[in-house]
Amino acid sequence: MTFSARQTKFRCMRLYHPSAFDFTTTVPSYWEASAQPLGRTTRSLEGSQSADVAVIGGGYAGLHAALQLTKAHGLKVCVLEAGDIGWGASGRNGGFCCPGSTKLSYRQLISRFGLEETRRFHTAQREAVNFVGDFLHSNNIDADRSGEGELQLAHRPSRVEELKVEQQFTRETFGVDSTFYTREELAERGNDCAVFYGALQSDVTFGLHPLKYVRGLARTAIDCGVMVFPNSEVTGWNSEAGHHTLKTGKGQITAKTVLVATNGYTDETLPAAVGGRLLPMLTRIIVTRPISDNELKAQGWLRADPSYDTRNLLHYFRLLPGNRFMFGGRGGTDASPEGMKRIVKTLRVDFEDTFPRLSHVETEYSWGGLVCMTSSRTPFAGPIDGMDNVWGAFGWHGNGVAMASYAANRLADVIAGSKQHNDALPAVLRTLPGRFVLPFLRVQYLRAAYVGYGAADKWR
């Protein structure tokens, strides 16, 4: 069977402006400017190759799966990445190694999956953060780890009580405690900001340099024997006689098993079975020049803990090593160069509104990218229905640093046959998302949702 853009009913390969998928460009991020090169010889795929497993996507999920399949199971694995290693979300995100990866509340998860499986998922999220920390340490990857715990900040007075209710619920349901801070206590500890009314701090989360992490992961995988081919976008997919042949611009690779790990940059025609299940969403980030100690003291924000607010269209931010301020946010549907400039301009206004005593501090870097939601609002790591030996790992909902790494590592054991799927991962991750109703209207759905979210964030 052959999959191609011409044969699939999902005829629009990408939901956003083509510039968002220009794999030949270098992302103008602070991460790119401050990370060492990969340091390993790699080249695009040329000619015909074969492997036991072909992985599409060279980010956290794809590389961790490939590494585990090679190191633990002795399989021959090839990774195909459309751009340079770290070109996608794994190299341009905010660097929050934290729980997350779903847009459903724990109460909603309990209603859908039951208490036991939700507890498994809660535990998996914490294990995922520790998994990344242990991986960095054991492989001597210096990814600029900073901050301890994650600060969720109430952007409206009404959200203070919601945080307290959430704190009690988490303690009673999962046996995990957190710390609540009043506005005054926040100021005393070095998180002074007039627009926040209280906060809840978790005990697990840390910040990192995402591009240093993914390049360190790639080096580890290459040194272990994984074949990594950057600048090798998959443009065709044939399935015949129990094998899959993936075609790129200059070559092709044939494998019995394929893992699709492309998240928000997934080409929905390759394979068509994924089409209509994903909703890429724009996020954007600015990073300031280095800020002096006196400037930080004037603002009263002195801590490096990863932080975010309670908005639906949330802001996320943290102090980086060297006292640069990173500030990011969701929203917008125009990924053209002009549209991204407008989005970044709005983000700068949000930064100045949030930290007015830093309004004179210039922005030195700005960029954007795609996170990935699913129709079920939950992540997925499992077999793709209707395809033989084809697996997927995607839908991290803007929190994939930890969970994409962890879930793909455990999924690799399932692919290799050493573990059962239901033993390796909780049900929240095992359920393939359905298709959106009228999937060609997904961006329109998103625009409508943004209007409602914006109103709710302003008034509630």
Protein backbone atom coordinates (compact mmCIF):
# COMPACT_ATOMS: atom_id res chain seq x y z
CA MET A 1 0.00 0.00 0.00
CA THR A 2 1.32 3.46 -0.87
CA PHE A 3 0.60 6.60 1.12
CA SER A 4 0.89 9.94 -0.64
CA ALA A 5 -0.52 13.43 -0.47
CA ARG A 6 -2.52 12.75 -3.62
CA GLN A 7 -4.24 9.66 -2.25
CA THR A 8 -5.23 10.84 1.21
CA LYS A 9 -8.40 12.74 2.00
CA PHE A 10 -6.37 15.00 4.30
CA ARG A 11 -5.10 17.00 1.37
CA CYS A 12 -3.70 19.90 3.36
CA MET A 13 -0.35 18.64 4.58
CA ARG A 14 0.20 21.57 6.96
CA LEU A 15 -2.26 23.74 8.86
CA TYR A 16 -0.08 26.86 9.00
CA HIS A 17 1.98 29.11 6.76
CA PRO A 18 4.77 27.24 4.91
CA SER A 19 7.47 29.27 6.69
CA ALA A 20 6.63 27.38 9.89
CA PHE A 21 7.82 24.21 8.14
CA ASP A 22 10.91 25.53 6.38
CA PHE A 23 13.34 22.89 7.60
CA THR A 24 16.27 24.58 5.85
CA THR A 25 16.21 27.66 8.08
CA THR A 26 18.02 28.04 11.39
CA VAL A 27 15.75 29.01 14.29
CA PRO A 28 16.98 32.42 15.57
CA SER A 29 16.74 31.41 19.22
CA TYR A 30 18.84 32.11 22.27
CA TRP A 31 19.30 28.35 22.55
CA GLU A 32 20.84 28.19 19.08
CA ALA A 33 23.16 31.09 19.88
CA SER A 34 24.38 29.55 23.15
CA ALA A 35 24.67 25.81 22.39
CA GLN A 36 27.71 23.96 21.12
CA PRO A 37 27.37 22.21 17.75
CA LEU A 38 26.36 18.56 17.72
CA GLY A 39 29.98 17.50 17.49
CA ARG A 40 29.30 14.29 15.60
CA THR A 41 29.54 13.66 11.87
CA THR A 42 26.07 13.33 10.38
CA ARG A 43 24.72 13.56 6.86
CA SER A 44 21.40 13.38 5.10
CA LEU A 45 20.17 10.01 3.93
CA GLU A 46 21.48 9.03 0.51
CA GLY A 47 20.88 5.82 -1.38
CA SER A 48 19.06 2.77 -0.03
CA GLN A 49 19.38 1.61 3.55
CA SER A 50 17.66 -0.98 5.73
CA ALA A 51 16.96 -1.14 9.45
CA ASP A 52 14.92 -3.02 11.99
CA VAL A 53 13.19 0.19 13.04
CA ALA A 54 12.88 3.52 11.26
CA VAL A 55 12.08 6.52 13.44
CA ILE A 56 10.60 9.67 11.90
CA GLY A 57 11.55 12.65 14.06
CA GLY A 58 14.85 13.45 15.75
CA GLY A 59 13.58 15.10 18.92
CA TYR A 60 13.35 13.81 22.49
CA ALA A 61 10.84 11.05 21.71
CA GLY A 62 12.45 9.77 18.53
CA LEU A 63 16.01 9.79 19.87
CA HIS A 64 15.15 8.23 23.22
CA ALA A 65 13.21 5.45 21.53
CA ALA A 66 16.05 4.85 19.08
CA LEU A 67 18.64 4.82 21.87
CA GLN A 68 16.68 2.30 23.95
CA LEU A 69 15.96 0.05 20.96
CA THR A 70 19.66 0.01 20.09
CA LYS A 71 21.26 -0.11 23.51
CA ALA A 72 18.84 -2.38 25.36
CA HIS A 73 17.60 -4.57 22.52
CA GLY A 74 20.40 -4.64 19.96
CA LEU A 75 18.24 -3.49 17.06
CA LYS A 76 19.42 -1.58 14.01
CA VAL A 77 17.67 1.79 14.16
CA CYS A 78 17.58 4.73 11.77
CA VAL A 79 16.35 8.21 12.72
CA LEU A 80 15.12 10.53 9.96
CA GLU A 81 14.91 14.22 10.88
CA ALA A 82 13.56 16.79 8.43
CA GLY A 83 15.84 19.57 9.66
CA ASP A 84 18.94 19.72 11.81
CA ILE A 85 18.84 17.85 15.10
CA GLY A 86 16.87 20.04 17.49
CA TRP A 87 15.22 22.05 14.72
CA GLY A 88 11.71 21.34 16.05
CA ALA A 89 10.14 21.75 19.46
CA SER A 90 12.87 19.77 21.22
CA GLY A 91 15.38 22.48 20.40
CA ARG A 92 13.26 25.60 20.75
CA ASN A 93 10.90 25.08 23.74
CA GLY A 94 11.02 26.90 27.06
CA GLY A 95 13.10 24.28 28.84
CA PHE A 96 10.56 23.29 31.50
CA CYS A 97 11.32 19.72 32.61
CA CYS A 98 8.03 19.27 34.41
CA PRO A 99 4.88 17.18 34.82
CA GLY A 100 2.14 17.84 32.30
CA SER A 101 1.45 16.67 28.72
CA THR A 102 -2.35 16.74 28.99
CA LYS A 103 -4.99 19.46 28.88
CA LEU A 104 -7.40 17.48 31.05
CA SER A 105 -7.64 18.07 34.79
CA TYR A 106 -7.03 15.17 37.13
CA ARG A 107 -10.74 15.05 37.86
CA GLN A 108 -11.45 14.71 34.15
CA LEU A 109 -8.79 12.02 33.84
CA ILE A 110 -10.34 10.09 36.71
CA SER A 111 -13.74 10.31 35.05
CA ARG A 112 -12.34 9.02 31.75
CA PHE A 113 -9.69 6.49 32.85
CA GLY A 114 -10.50 5.68 36.47
CA LEU A 115 -8.65 6.47 39.68
CA GLU A 116 -6.01 3.73 39.42
CA GLU A 117 -4.88 4.63 35.91
CA THR A 118 -4.88 8.33 36.75
CA ARG A 119 -2.66 7.62 39.73
CA ARG A 120 -0.36 5.67 37.42
CA PHE A 121 -0.22 8.66 35.09
CA HIS A 122 0.50 11.04 37.97
CA THR A 123 3.35 8.81 39.09
CA ALA A 124 4.64 8.53 35.51
CA GLN A 125 4.83 12.31 35.21
CA ARG A 126 7.02 12.57 38.29
CA GLU A 127 9.14 9.64 37.14
CA ALA A 128 9.55 11.36 33.78
CA VAL A 129 11.17 14.43 35.35
CA ASN A 130 13.54 12.24 37.35
CA PHE A 131 14.26 10.16 34.24
CA VAL A 132 15.56 13.23 32.39
CA GLY A 133 17.59 14.39 35.39
CA ASP A 134 19.19 10.97 35.77
CA PHE A 135 19.86 10.75 32.03
CA LEU A 136 21.66 14.09 31.99
CA HIS A 137 23.77 13.09 34.97
CA SER A 138 24.66 9.58 33.81
CA ASN A 139 25.64 10.76 30.32
CA ASN A 140 27.54 13.87 31.47
CA ILE A 141 25.28 16.23 29.53
CA ASP A 142 25.56 19.80 30.78
CA ALA A 143 22.17 21.27 29.93
CA ASP A 144 22.29 24.26 32.31
CA ARG A 145 19.98 22.74 34.91
CA SER A 146 18.50 25.46 37.12
CA GLY A 147 15.61 26.08 39.50
CA GLU A 148 13.84 23.59 41.73
CA GLY A 149 10.09 23.07 41.67
CA GLU A 150 7.49 24.79 39.49
CA LEU A 151 5.58 27.90 40.47
CA GLN A 152 1.94 28.23 39.34
CA LEU A 153 0.87 31.85 39.83
CA ALA A 154 -2.71 33.09 40.29
CA HIS A 155 -3.27 35.90 37.79
CA ARG A 156 -6.67 36.80 39.28
CA PRO A 157 -7.86 36.87 42.91
CA SER A 158 -10.45 34.19 42.08
CA ARG A 159 -7.69 31.78 41.11
CA VAL A 160 -6.16 31.83 44.62
CA GLU A 161 -8.91 29.66 46.07
CA GLU A 162 -8.70 27.35 43.06
CA LEU A 163 -5.02 26.77 43.78
CA LYS A 164 -5.80 25.93 47.40
CA VAL A 165 -8.49 23.47 46.34
CA GLU A 166 -6.07 21.88 43.87
CA GLN A 167 -3.44 21.59 46.58
CA GLN A 168 -5.83 19.71 48.86
CA PHE A 169 -7.10 17.49 46.04
CA THR A 170 -3.58 16.49 44.99
CA ARG A 171 -2.60 15.73 48.56
CA GLU A 172 -5.66 13.57 49.22
CA THR A 173 -5.70 11.81 45.84
CA PHE A 174 -2.02 11.22 45.12
CA GLY A 175 -0.33 11.70 48.48
CA VAL A 176 1.84 14.48 47.10
CA ASP A 177 2.08 17.84 48.80
CA SER A 178 2.90 21.28 47.48
CA THR A 179 3.51 24.68 49.03
CA PHE A 180 1.10 27.61 48.86
CA TYR A 181 2.41 31.18 49.01
CA THR A 182 0.44 34.35 49.58
CA ARG A 183 1.31 37.45 47.60
CA GLU A 184 3.32 38.72 50.59
CA GLU A 185 5.18 35.43 50.94
CA LEU A 186 6.01 35.47 47.25
CA ALA A 187 7.60 38.89 47.63
CA GLU A 188 9.61 37.74 50.65
CA ARG A 189 11.05 34.73 48.81
CA GLY A 190 12.09 36.72 45.72
CA ASN A 191 9.02 36.46 43.49
CA ASP A 192 7.66 39.98 43.89
CA CYS A 193 5.19 40.83 41.15
CA ALA A 194 2.06 42.92 41.63
CA VAL A 195 0.01 41.09 39.00
CA PHE A 196 0.03 37.80 40.93
CA TYR A 197 -2.12 37.11 43.98
CA GLY A 198 -0.66 33.85 45.26
CA ALA A 199 1.08 30.72 44.00
CA LEU A 200 1.40 26.98 44.36
CA GLN A 201 4.84 25.42 44.11
CA SER A 202 5.40 21.76 43.26
CA ASP A 203 8.40 19.81 44.50
CA VAL A 204 9.40 18.39 41.12
CA THR A 205 10.45 20.38 38.02
CA PHE A 206 13.63 22.04 36.88
CA GLY A 207 14.71 24.23 34.01
CA LEU A 208 17.21 23.26 31.34
CA HIS A 209 18.68 24.34 28.03
CA PRO A 210 16.54 22.33 25.58
CA LEU A 211 18.94 22.38 22.65
CA LYS A 212 21.91 21.33 24.79
CA TYR A 213 19.75 18.47 26.05
CA VAL A 214 18.62 17.21 22.63
CA ARG A 215 22.10 17.52 21.12
CA GLY A 216 23.57 15.67 24.09
CA LEU A 217 20.92 13.00 23.62
CA ALA A 218 21.75 12.76 19.92
CA ARG A 219 25.47 12.40 20.66
CA THR A 220 24.71 9.61 23.11
CA ALA A 221 22.49 7.83 20.57
CA ILE A 222 25.03 8.16 17.74
CA ASP A 223 27.85 6.89 19.97
CA CYS A 224 25.64 3.89 20.80
CA GLY A 225 25.21 3.03 17.13
CA VAL A 226 21.97 4.75 16.14
CA MET A 227 22.01 5.94 12.52
CA VAL A 228 20.90 9.59 12.63
CA PHE A 229 20.14 11.36 9.35
CA PRO A 230 19.33 15.09 9.63
CA ASN A 231 17.94 17.12 6.72
CA SER A 232 16.10 14.00 5.56
CA GLU A 233 12.42 14.84 5.36
CA VAL A 234 10.20 11.85 4.62
CA THR A 235 8.35 12.56 1.38
CA GLY A 236 6.92 9.14 0.56
CA TRP A 237 5.84 5.97 2.35
CA ASN A 238 5.23 2.57 0.77
CA SER A 239 4.07 -0.50 2.70
CA GLU A 240 4.38 -3.93 1.13
CA ALA A 241 4.98 -7.53 2.24
CA GLY A 242 5.33 -6.62 5.89
CA HIS A 243 7.91 -3.88 5.35
CA HIS A 244 7.78 -0.10 5.12
CA THR A 245 9.88 1.98 2.75
CA LEU A 246 10.34 5.62 3.66
CA LYS A 247 11.54 7.91 0.88
CA THR A 248 13.47 11.15 1.29
CA GLY A 249 14.86 13.61 -1.22
CA LYS A 250 18.02 11.60 -1.88
CA GLY A 251 17.39 8.15 -0.50
CA GLN A 252 15.13 5.62 1.10
CA ILE A 253 15.12 3.27 4.05
CA THR A 254 13.24 -0.01 4.42
CA ALA A 255 12.26 -1.30 7.86
CA LYS A 256 9.81 -3.74 9.38
CA THR A 257 8.77 -1.23 12.04
CA VAL A 258 8.22 2.54 11.98
CA LEU A 259 7.82 5.00 14.85
CA VAL A 260 6.24 8.39 14.06
CA ALA A 261 7.57 10.93 16.60
CA THR A 262 7.06 14.28 14.89
CA ASN A 263 4.55 15.94 17.26
CA GLY A 264 3.43 19.41 16.06
CA TYR A 265 5.39 19.10 12.80
CA THR A 266 3.68 15.88 11.69
CA ASP A 267 2.89 15.55 8.00
CA GLU A 268 -0.66 14.21 8.18
CA THR A 269 -0.40 12.38 4.88
CA LEU A 270 2.57 10.27 6.02
CA PRO A 271 0.85 8.22 7.26
CA ALA A 272 -2.73 9.18 6.50
CA ALA A 273 -3.84 7.19 9.55
CA VAL A 274 -2.59 10.08 11.70
CA GLY A 275 -4.49 12.72 9.72
CA GLY A 276 -7.04 14.81 11.59
CA ARG A 277 -6.01 13.66 15.06
CA LEU A 278 -3.54 16.45 15.90
CA LEU A 279 -3.83 20.19 16.40
CA PRO A 280 -0.53 22.10 16.24
CA MET A 281 -0.63 25.37 18.19
CA LEU A 282 1.68 28.35 18.03
CA THR A 283 3.80 29.32 20.98
CA ARG A 284 6.42 32.05 21.09
CA ILE A 285 9.32 33.11 23.32
CA ILE A 286 11.43 36.19 23.95
CA VAL A 287 14.73 36.32 25.81
CA THR A 288 16.13 39.58 27.16
CA ARG A 289 19.65 40.85 27.42
CA PRO A 290 21.48 39.96 30.66
CA ILE A 291 19.87 41.81 33.58
CA SER A 292 21.97 43.30 36.37
CA ASP A 293 21.49 42.25 39.98
CA ASN A 294 20.30 45.77 40.82
CA GLU A 295 17.68 45.64 38.04
CA LEU A 296 16.41 42.30 39.32
CA LYS A 297 16.26 43.61 42.87
CA ALA A 298 14.25 46.61 41.67
CA GLN A 299 11.70 44.24 40.18
CA GLY A 300 11.94 41.84 43.11
CA TRP A 301 12.13 38.72 40.96
CA LEU A 302 15.28 36.87 41.98
CA ARG A 303 14.57 33.16 41.65
CA ALA A 304 15.13 30.79 38.73
CA ASP A 305 12.24 28.41 39.40
CA PRO A 306 10.24 27.67 36.21
CA SER A 307 6.97 29.60 36.52
CA TYR A 308 3.66 30.00 34.73
CA ASP A 309 0.36 31.70 35.38
CA THR A 310 -3.19 30.37 35.62
CA ARG A 311 -4.40 31.81 32.31
CA ASN A 312 -5.89 29.53 29.69
CA LEU A 313 -3.59 31.33 27.24
CA LEU A 314 -0.82 31.04 29.75
CA HIS A 315 2.47 32.85 30.10
CA TYR A 316 5.53 30.82 31.11
CA PHE A 317 8.81 32.32 32.21
CA ARG A 318 12.02 31.89 34.17
CA LEU A 319 15.37 33.47 34.85
CA LEU A 320 18.10 31.80 32.85
CA PRO A 321 21.73 31.35 33.91
CA GLY A 322 23.41 34.66 33.31
CA ASN A 323 20.30 36.59 34.42
CA ARG A 324 18.53 36.70 31.10
CA PHE A 325 14.74 36.59 31.38
CA MET A 326 12.85 34.11 29.20
CA PHE A 327 9.14 34.88 28.70
CA GLY A 328 6.80 32.80 26.55
CA GLY A 329 3.12 32.52 25.75
CA ARG A 330 0.45 30.80 23.71
CA GLY A 331 -1.94 32.27 21.15
CA GLY A 332 -2.23 33.38 17.55
CA THR A 333 -2.86 31.39 14.40
CA ASP A 334 -0.83 33.30 11.79
CA ALA A 335 2.56 31.63 11.40
CA SER A 336 3.68 33.82 8.50
CA PRO A 337 6.74 36.00 9.18
CA GLU A 338 4.49 39.06 9.51
CA GLY A 339 2.09 37.21 11.78
CA MET A 340 4.87 35.99 14.04
CA LYS A 341 6.20 39.55 14.34
CA ARG A 342 2.77 40.68 15.53
CA ILE A 343 2.59 37.81 18.01
CA VAL A 344 6.03 38.61 19.41
CA LYS A 345 5.08 42.29 19.71
CA THR A 346 2.03 41.29 21.77
CA LEU A 347 4.21 39.04 23.90
CA ARG A 348 6.57 41.91 24.63
CA VAL A 349 3.63 44.00 25.83
CA ASP A 350 2.58 41.11 28.10
CA PHE A 351 6.11 40.91 29.50
CA GLU A 352 6.16 44.62 30.32
CA ASP A 353 2.69 44.43 31.89
CA THR A 354 3.83 41.52 34.05
CA PHE A 355 7.22 42.93 35.01
CA PRO A 356 6.89 46.72 34.62
CA ARG A 357 10.15 47.48 36.41
CA LEU A 358 11.95 45.52 33.68
CA SER A 359 10.20 47.29 30.81
CA HIS A 360 13.45 49.05 29.86
CA VAL A 361 15.29 45.74 29.44
CA GLU A 362 15.68 45.00 25.74
CA THR A 363 14.68 41.83 23.96
CA GLU A 364 17.68 40.21 22.27
CA TYR A 365 16.07 37.03 20.92
CA SER A 366 12.59 36.07 19.80
CA TRP A 367 11.23 33.00 18.05
CA GLY A 368 8.22 30.74 17.84
CA GLY A 369 7.21 27.19 17.13
CA LEU A 370 4.51 24.57 17.36
CA VAL A 371 3.28 22.56 20.30
CA CYS A 372 0.87 19.70 19.67
CA MET A 373 -2.59 19.03 21.06
CA THR A 374 -4.71 16.00 20.25
CA SER A 375 -8.46 15.60 19.88
CA SER A 376 -8.54 13.73 23.20
CA ARG A 377 -6.37 16.35 24.93
CA THR A 378 -4.08 13.54 26.09
CA PRO A 379 -0.66 12.38 24.83
CA PHE A 380 -0.15 9.16 22.94
CA ALA A 381 2.55 6.49 22.85
CA GLY A 382 1.40 3.28 21.19
CA PRO A 383 0.42 1.45 18.00
CA ILE A 384 -1.37 3.35 15.23
CA ASP A 385 -4.62 1.57 14.42
CA GLY A 386 -4.94 -0.05 11.02
CA MET A 387 -1.20 -0.21 10.29
CA ASP A 388 1.13 -3.14 10.83
CA ASN A 389 4.14 -2.41 13.02
CA VAL A 390 3.60 1.36 12.97
CA TRP A 391 3.76 3.23 16.24
CA GLY A 392 3.29 6.82 17.33
CA ALA A 393 4.60 9.07 20.10
CA PHE A 394 3.15 12.57 20.04
CA GLY A 395 0.72 15.04 21.58
CA TRP A 396 2.69 16.43 24.52
CA HIS A 397 0.53 19.57 24.85
CA GLY A 398 3.45 21.92 25.38
CA ASN A 399 5.04 19.83 28.14
CA GLY A 400 7.10 17.24 26.33
CA VAL A 401 10.60 17.69 27.72
CA ALA A 402 10.02 15.09 30.42
CA MET A 403 7.11 12.98 29.19
CA ALA A 404 8.22 12.62 25.56
CA SER A 405 11.60 11.37 26.80
CA TYR A 406 10.16 8.96 29.34
CA ALA A 407 7.22 7.63 27.34
CA ALA A 408 9.33 6.95 24.24
CA ASN A 409 11.95 5.13 26.29
CA ARG A 410 9.28 2.82 27.73
CA LEU A 411 7.48 2.48 24.41
CA ALA A 412 10.72 1.21 22.89
CA ASP A 413 10.54 -1.80 25.22
CA VAL A 414 7.01 -2.47 23.97
CA ILE A 415 8.09 -2.19 20.33
CA ALA A 416 10.96 -4.60 20.99
CA GLY A 417 8.56 -7.07 22.60
CA SER A 418 10.10 -7.13 26.08
CA LYS A 419 7.14 -5.46 27.80
CA GLN A 420 3.38 -5.41 27.41
CA HIS A 421 1.90 -2.05 26.49
CA ASN A 422 -0.43 -1.91 29.49
CA ASP A 423 2.44 -2.70 31.86
CA ALA A 424 4.84 -0.14 30.39
CA LEU A 425 2.54 2.88 30.24
CA PRO A 426 -0.68 4.08 31.90
CA ALA A 427 -3.94 4.09 29.94
CA VAL A 428 -3.80 7.87 29.55
CA LEU A 429 -0.87 7.39 27.17
CA ARG A 430 -2.07 4.22 25.47
CA THR A 431 -5.24 5.57 23.87
CA LEU A 432 -4.93 6.72 20.25
CA PRO A 433 -6.74 10.07 19.89
CA GLY A 434 -9.72 10.12 17.55
CA ARG A 435 -10.10 12.53 14.67
CA PHE A 436 -11.44 16.03 15.10
CA VAL A 437 -14.91 16.62 13.68
CA LEU A 438 -14.40 18.30 10.29
CA PRO A 439 -10.61 18.38 10.78
CA PHE A 440 -10.07 20.94 8.00
CA LEU A 441 -11.70 23.47 10.36
CA ARG A 442 -9.22 22.94 13.20
CA VAL A 443 -7.58 26.35 12.95
CA GLN A 444 -11.01 27.99 12.89
CA TYR A 445 -11.94 26.03 16.02
CA LEU A 446 -8.76 27.31 17.62
CA ARG A 447 -9.49 30.94 16.75
CA ALA A 448 -12.92 30.67 18.31
CA ALA A 449 -11.47 29.03 21.41
CA TYR A 450 -8.90 31.81 21.76
CA VAL A 451 -11.68 34.40 21.87
CA GLY A 452 -13.38 32.54 24.69
CA TYR A 453 -10.13 31.88 26.54
CA GLY A 454 -9.12 35.52 26.30
CA ALA A 455 -12.41 36.66 27.79
CA ALA A 456 -12.20 34.11 30.59
CA ASP A 457 -8.61 35.08 31.40
CA LYS A 458 -9.59 38.74 31.64
CA TRP A 459 -12.66 38.42 33.80
CA ARG A 460 -12.33 35.21 35.80
